[in-house]
Amino acid sequence: MPLAIDNIRVGRVYKLINYGEIRFLEAMERTGRENFKMKDLDTLEYYEIDELLRWGKGKDYDLDEVR
């Protein structure tokens, strides 16, 4: 079962799977009630969680804390 967005904590690392893409993200800061600035640990780019989920959640959607 995926982790709820409101359970994300700043400074922790998460594995996001959605539509076949696997990303390892670090939560950098909270930018809204259910929005976070996330750092992609593979490309070092910054995203907001809303951007990553803008097109919906696929059948393979999963969000888990790694460490």
N, C-alpha and C. Protein backbone atom coordinates (compact mmCIF):
# COMPACT_ATOMS: atom_id res chain seq x y z
N MET A 1 0.85 -1.17 0.00
CA MET A 1 0.00 0.00 0.00
C MET A 1 0.90 1.24 0.00
N PRO A 2 0.63 2.19 -0.91
CA PRO A 2 1.46 3.39 -0.98
C PRO A 2 1.29 4.31 0.22
N LEU A 3 2.33 5.05 0.50
CA LEU A 3 2.33 6.02 1.57
C LEU A 3 1.47 7.22 1.15
N ALA A 4 0.69 7.76 2.05
CA ALA A 4 -0.12 8.95 1.76
C ALA A 4 0.78 10.17 1.65
N ILE A 5 0.42 11.10 0.77
CA ILE A 5 1.21 12.31 0.54
C ILE A 5 1.40 13.10 1.84
N ASP A 6 0.40 13.15 2.68
CA ASP A 6 0.53 13.94 3.91
C ASP A 6 1.42 13.27 4.96
N ASN A 7 1.92 12.07 4.68
CA ASN A 7 2.86 11.40 5.58
C ASN A 7 4.32 11.59 5.16
N ILE A 8 4.56 12.35 4.11
CA ILE A 8 5.93 12.64 3.67
C ILE A 8 6.59 13.55 4.69
N ARG A 9 7.85 13.31 4.99
CA ARG A 9 8.60 14.11 5.96
C ARG A 9 9.84 14.69 5.29
N VAL A 10 10.11 15.96 5.56
CA VAL A 10 11.27 16.65 4.99
C VAL A 10 12.55 15.96 5.46
N GLY A 11 13.49 15.78 4.52
CA GLY A 11 14.77 15.16 4.84
C GLY A 11 14.81 13.66 4.62
N ARG A 12 13.69 13.05 4.34
CA ARG A 12 13.65 11.60 4.13
C ARG A 12 13.66 11.28 2.63
N VAL A 13 14.06 10.06 2.31
CA VAL A 13 14.18 9.61 0.91
C VAL A 13 13.04 8.64 0.62
N TYR A 14 12.44 8.80 -0.57
CA TYR A 14 11.29 8.00 -0.97
C TYR A 14 11.52 7.41 -2.35
N LYS A 15 10.90 6.25 -2.59
CA LYS A 15 10.91 5.61 -3.89
C LYS A 15 9.51 5.78 -4.47
N LEU A 16 9.42 6.44 -5.63
CA LEU A 16 8.15 6.67 -6.30
C LEU A 16 8.11 5.86 -7.58
N ILE A 17 7.10 5.03 -7.71
CA ILE A 17 6.86 4.28 -8.94
C ILE A 17 5.53 4.76 -9.49
N ASN A 18 5.52 5.18 -10.76
CA ASN A 18 4.28 5.64 -11.40
C ASN A 18 4.45 5.53 -12.90
N TYR A 19 3.52 4.85 -13.55
CA TYR A 19 3.54 4.65 -15.00
C TYR A 19 4.87 4.07 -15.47
N GLY A 20 5.43 3.14 -14.73
CA GLY A 20 6.65 2.46 -15.14
C GLY A 20 7.94 3.21 -14.82
N GLU A 21 7.85 4.44 -14.35
CA GLU A 21 9.04 5.20 -13.99
C GLU A 21 9.34 4.99 -12.51
N ILE A 22 10.60 4.79 -12.21
CA ILE A 22 11.03 4.63 -10.82
C ILE A 22 11.95 5.79 -10.49
N ARG A 23 11.62 6.53 -9.45
CA ARG A 23 12.42 7.68 -9.03
C ARG A 23 12.72 7.58 -7.55
N PHE A 24 13.93 7.95 -7.19
CA PHE A 24 14.30 8.08 -5.78
C PHE A 24 14.36 9.57 -5.49
N LEU A 25 13.54 10.00 -4.55
CA LEU A 25 13.35 11.42 -4.27
C LEU A 25 13.62 11.73 -2.81
N GLU A 26 14.23 12.88 -2.57
CA GLU A 26 14.42 13.37 -1.21
C GLU A 26 13.51 14.57 -1.02
N ALA A 27 12.74 14.57 0.05
CA ALA A 27 11.86 15.69 0.36
C ALA A 27 12.70 16.84 0.90
N MET A 28 12.70 17.96 0.21
CA MET A 28 13.53 19.10 0.58
C MET A 28 12.78 20.11 1.46
N GLU A 29 11.54 20.43 1.08
CA GLU A 29 10.75 21.36 1.88
C GLU A 29 9.28 21.21 1.55
N ARG A 30 8.45 21.60 2.49
CA ARG A 30 7.00 21.58 2.29
C ARG A 30 6.61 22.92 1.68
N THR A 31 5.91 22.89 0.54
CA THR A 31 5.53 24.13 -0.14
C THR A 31 4.03 24.40 -0.09
N GLY A 32 3.30 23.49 0.48
CA GLY A 32 1.85 23.64 0.60
C GLY A 32 1.34 22.55 1.53
N ARG A 33 0.03 22.52 1.69
CA ARG A 33 -0.53 21.53 2.61
C ARG A 33 -0.21 20.11 2.17
N GLU A 34 -0.36 19.83 0.87
CA GLU A 34 -0.06 18.50 0.36
C GLU A 34 0.90 18.59 -0.83
N ASN A 35 1.87 19.48 -0.74
CA ASN A 35 2.84 19.64 -1.81
C ASN A 35 4.23 19.78 -1.20
N PHE A 36 5.20 19.17 -1.86
CA PHE A 36 6.57 19.19 -1.38
C PHE A 36 7.53 19.45 -2.53
N LYS A 37 8.62 20.13 -2.24
CA LYS A 37 9.71 20.26 -3.19
C LYS A 37 10.58 19.02 -3.01
N MET A 38 10.77 18.27 -4.10
CA MET A 38 11.48 17.00 -4.06
C MET A 38 12.73 17.09 -4.94
N LYS A 39 13.80 16.45 -4.49
CA LYS A 39 15.04 16.40 -5.26
C LYS A 39 15.19 14.98 -5.80
N ASP A 40 15.29 14.85 -7.12
CA ASP A 40 15.50 13.56 -7.76
C ASP A 40 16.97 13.18 -7.52
N LEU A 41 17.23 12.09 -6.85
CA LEU A 41 18.59 11.72 -6.49
C LEU A 41 19.40 11.15 -7.65
N ASP A 42 18.74 10.81 -8.76
CA ASP A 42 19.47 10.33 -9.94
C ASP A 42 19.91 11.48 -10.84
N THR A 43 19.01 12.44 -11.08
CA THR A 43 19.32 13.55 -12.00
C THR A 43 19.67 14.85 -11.27
N LEU A 44 19.43 14.90 -9.96
CA LEU A 44 19.66 16.08 -9.11
C LEU A 44 18.76 17.26 -9.49
N GLU A 45 17.67 16.99 -10.21
CA GLU A 45 16.70 18.02 -10.54
C GLU A 45 15.69 18.15 -9.41
N TYR A 46 15.04 19.29 -9.34
CA TYR A 46 14.02 19.54 -8.32
C TYR A 46 12.64 19.52 -8.98
N TYR A 47 11.70 18.89 -8.30
CA TYR A 47 10.32 18.81 -8.75
C TYR A 47 9.42 19.10 -7.57
N GLU A 48 8.19 19.45 -7.87
CA GLU A 48 7.18 19.46 -6.82
C GLU A 48 6.39 18.18 -6.99
N ILE A 49 5.93 17.61 -5.90
CA ILE A 49 5.22 16.33 -5.96
C ILE A 49 3.98 16.45 -6.85
N ASP A 50 3.37 17.64 -6.90
CA ASP A 50 2.22 17.87 -7.78
C ASP A 50 2.60 17.66 -9.25
N GLU A 51 3.81 18.08 -9.64
CA GLU A 51 4.26 17.89 -11.02
C GLU A 51 4.39 16.42 -11.36
N LEU A 52 4.88 15.64 -10.43
CA LEU A 52 5.10 14.22 -10.68
C LEU A 52 3.79 13.44 -10.74
N LEU A 53 2.75 13.94 -10.10
CA LEU A 53 1.46 13.24 -10.08
C LEU A 53 0.38 13.97 -10.89
N ARG A 54 0.79 14.95 -11.67
CA ARG A 54 -0.16 15.79 -12.42
C ARG A 54 -1.07 14.97 -13.33
N TRP A 55 -0.55 13.96 -13.98
CA TRP A 55 -1.33 13.19 -14.95
C TRP A 55 -1.99 11.98 -14.31
N GLY A 56 -2.03 11.92 -13.01
CA GLY A 56 -2.74 10.85 -12.32
C GLY A 56 -1.81 9.79 -11.77
N LYS A 57 -2.43 8.80 -11.19
CA LYS A 57 -1.69 7.70 -10.59
C LYS A 57 -1.99 6.45 -11.40
N GLY A 58 -0.92 5.83 -11.93
CA GLY A 58 -1.09 4.62 -12.73
C GLY A 58 -1.38 3.41 -11.87
N LYS A 59 -1.65 2.29 -12.54
CA LYS A 59 -1.95 1.05 -11.83
C LYS A 59 -0.78 0.59 -10.97
N ASP A 60 0.43 0.99 -11.35
CA ASP A 60 1.63 0.57 -10.62
C ASP A 60 2.08 1.59 -9.58
N TYR A 61 1.28 2.62 -9.30
CA TYR A 61 1.66 3.69 -8.38
C TYR A 61 2.03 3.13 -7.01
N ASP A 62 3.19 3.56 -6.52
CA ASP A 62 3.63 3.19 -5.18
C ASP A 62 4.57 4.27 -4.66
N LEU A 63 4.46 4.62 -3.42
CA LEU A 63 5.32 5.59 -2.77
C LEU A 63 5.72 5.01 -1.42
N ASP A 64 7.00 4.75 -1.24
CA ASP A 64 7.49 4.16 -0.01
C ASP A 64 8.73 4.89 0.46
N GLU A 65 8.91 4.95 1.77
CA GLU A 65 10.12 5.54 2.35
C GLU A 65 11.26 4.53 2.24
N VAL A 66 12.41 5.01 1.80
CA VAL A 66 13.58 4.14 1.63
C VAL A 66 14.45 4.16 2.87
N ARG A 67 14.78 5.36 3.34
CA ARG A 67 15.62 5.49 4.54
C ARG A 67 15.29 6.76 5.26
